[in-house]
Amino acid sequence: MSGADPEMESGPGLERVERPHGEPDCSEVVSRLYNFLDGDLTEERREKILRHLDECHPCLKAFGFEKELRQLIASRCKDHVPESLRQRIAASIEQERSLGAEHTQGASQEELD
């Protein structure tokens, strides 16, 4: 056993694995998989989870499953927006930009007067 003050973990299908203090255990890694996949973790936390995944086959398997599931959902669950709706949205955005530009120009002119 290595490291001072190790933390032990276990669970269904998991061996009792010794983790150095400060390193994530399986429950933390699994609970943060979505954050990891979304890129919502600090670089330090991502590195700790990657180290854990390198050493823990059950967590790596769970990670692979979640990643594949997300890719499948992303590829199959795309809404198709009618072209007429896209054009109306683009026209509305352009109209708002024009009104905003006119308002900004009008305010600038008032400041000069």
Protein backbone atom coordinates (compact mmCIF):
# COMPACT_ATOMS: atom_id res chain seq x y z
CA MET A 1 0.00 0.00 0.00
CA SER A 2 1.34 3.41 -0.93
CA GLY A 3 0.67 7.03 0.01
CA ALA A 4 -0.07 8.55 3.36
CA ASP A 5 -3.67 8.47 4.55
CA PRO A 6 -5.16 6.41 1.70
CA GLU A 7 -8.91 6.27 1.09
CA MET A 8 -10.54 2.92 0.35
CA GLU A 9 -13.41 2.42 -2.05
CA SER A 10 -15.61 -0.44 -3.06
CA GLY A 11 -19.00 -1.02 -4.52
CA PRO A 12 -20.99 -3.39 -6.70
CA GLY A 13 -18.57 -4.87 -9.22
CA LEU A 14 -15.67 -2.86 -7.83
CA GLU A 15 -12.62 -4.23 -6.11
CA ARG A 16 -11.41 -2.60 -2.92
CA VAL A 17 -9.01 -0.08 -4.36
CA GLU A 18 -6.65 2.12 -2.40
CA ARG A 19 -6.68 5.77 -3.49
CA PRO A 20 -4.16 8.36 -2.30
CA HIS A 21 -5.68 11.14 -0.23
CA GLY A 22 -7.13 13.84 -2.50
CA GLU A 23 -7.63 11.52 -5.46
CA PRO A 24 -11.23 10.89 -6.57
CA ASP A 25 -12.87 7.58 -5.75
CA CYS A 26 -15.16 5.64 -8.08
CA SER A 27 -18.36 7.23 -6.79
CA GLU A 28 -16.98 10.74 -7.38
CA VAL A 29 -15.68 9.86 -10.84
CA VAL A 30 -18.98 8.31 -11.91
CA SER A 31 -20.98 11.23 -10.47
CA ARG A 32 -18.83 13.71 -12.44
CA LEU A 33 -18.82 11.91 -15.80
CA TYR A 34 -21.36 14.30 -17.33
CA ASN A 35 -19.39 17.32 -16.11
CA PHE A 36 -16.23 15.73 -17.50
CA LEU A 37 -17.82 15.08 -20.90
CA ASP A 38 -19.25 18.61 -20.99
CA GLY A 39 -15.86 20.16 -20.18
CA ASP A 40 -17.30 21.74 -17.02
CA LEU A 41 -14.43 20.78 -14.68
CA THR A 42 -11.23 22.54 -13.78
CA GLU A 43 -8.09 21.27 -15.49
CA GLU A 44 -6.85 19.90 -12.15
CA ARG A 45 -10.06 17.91 -11.57
CA ARG A 46 -10.02 16.62 -15.19
CA GLU A 47 -6.43 15.39 -14.73
CA LYS A 48 -7.34 13.59 -11.49
CA ILE A 49 -10.29 11.89 -13.16
CA LEU A 50 -8.16 10.91 -16.17
CA ARG A 51 -5.59 9.33 -13.82
CA HIS A 52 -8.39 7.44 -12.12
CA LEU A 53 -9.79 6.26 -15.46
CA ASP A 54 -6.31 5.04 -16.47
CA GLU A 55 -6.20 2.83 -13.37
CA CYS A 56 -9.83 1.75 -12.91
CA HIS A 57 -11.38 -0.51 -15.55
CA PRO A 58 -15.01 -0.34 -14.20
CA CYS A 59 -14.96 3.47 -14.27
CA LEU A 60 -13.34 3.51 -17.71
CA LYS A 61 -16.09 1.19 -18.91
CA ALA A 62 -18.77 3.50 -17.46
CA PHE A 63 -17.07 6.49 -19.08
CA GLY A 64 -16.97 4.75 -22.46
CA PHE A 65 -20.65 3.85 -22.22
CA GLU A 66 -21.69 7.42 -21.33
CA LYS A 67 -19.54 8.88 -24.11
CA GLU A 68 -20.99 6.50 -26.71
CA LEU A 69 -24.53 7.14 -25.48
CA ARG A 70 -24.07 10.89 -25.82
CA GLN A 71 -22.66 10.51 -29.32
CA LEU A 72 -25.58 8.30 -30.33
CA ILE A 73 -28.15 10.72 -28.93
CA ALA A 74 -26.43 13.68 -30.59
CA SER A 75 -26.36 11.96 -33.96
CA ARG A 76 -29.95 10.67 -33.86
CA CYS A 77 -31.84 13.36 -32.01
CA LYS A 78 -31.51 16.37 -34.23
CA ASP A 79 -34.54 18.51 -34.91
CA HIS A 80 -34.91 19.57 -38.48
CA VAL A 81 -35.85 23.24 -38.74
CA PRO A 82 -37.80 24.21 -41.86
CA GLU A 83 -35.95 26.61 -44.14
CA SER A 84 -38.83 29.10 -43.99
CA LEU A 85 -38.42 29.32 -40.20
CA ARG A 86 -34.66 29.81 -40.52
CA GLN A 87 -35.27 32.67 -42.98
CA ARG A 88 -37.83 34.35 -40.70
CA ILE A 89 -35.45 34.12 -37.73
CA ALA A 90 -32.56 35.53 -39.78
CA ALA A 91 -34.78 38.40 -40.99
CA SER A 92 -35.90 39.17 -37.42
CA ILE A 93 -32.30 39.22 -36.20
CA GLU A 94 -31.30 41.54 -39.03
CA GLN A 95 -34.24 43.83 -38.26
CA GLU A 96 -33.26 43.97 -34.58
CA ARG A 97 -29.67 44.78 -35.54
CA SER A 98 -30.86 47.59 -37.80
CA LEU A 99 -33.09 49.04 -35.09
CA GLY A 100 -30.24 48.80 -32.58
CA ALA A 101 -27.86 50.55 -34.96
CA GLU A 102 -30.41 53.33 -35.63
CA HIS A 103 -30.93 53.77 -31.89
CA THR A 104 -27.18 53.94 -31.27
CA GLN A 105 -26.69 56.46 -34.09
CA GLY A 106 -29.59 58.56 -32.80
CA ALA A 107 -28.11 58.61 -29.30
CA SER A 108 -24.71 59.64 -30.68
CA GLN A 109 -26.28 62.49 -32.66
CA GLU A 110 -28.13 63.75 -29.54
CA GLU A 111 -24.83 63.86 -27.64
CA LEU A 112 -23.31 66.05 -30.36
CA ASP A 113 -26.20 68.56 -30.26
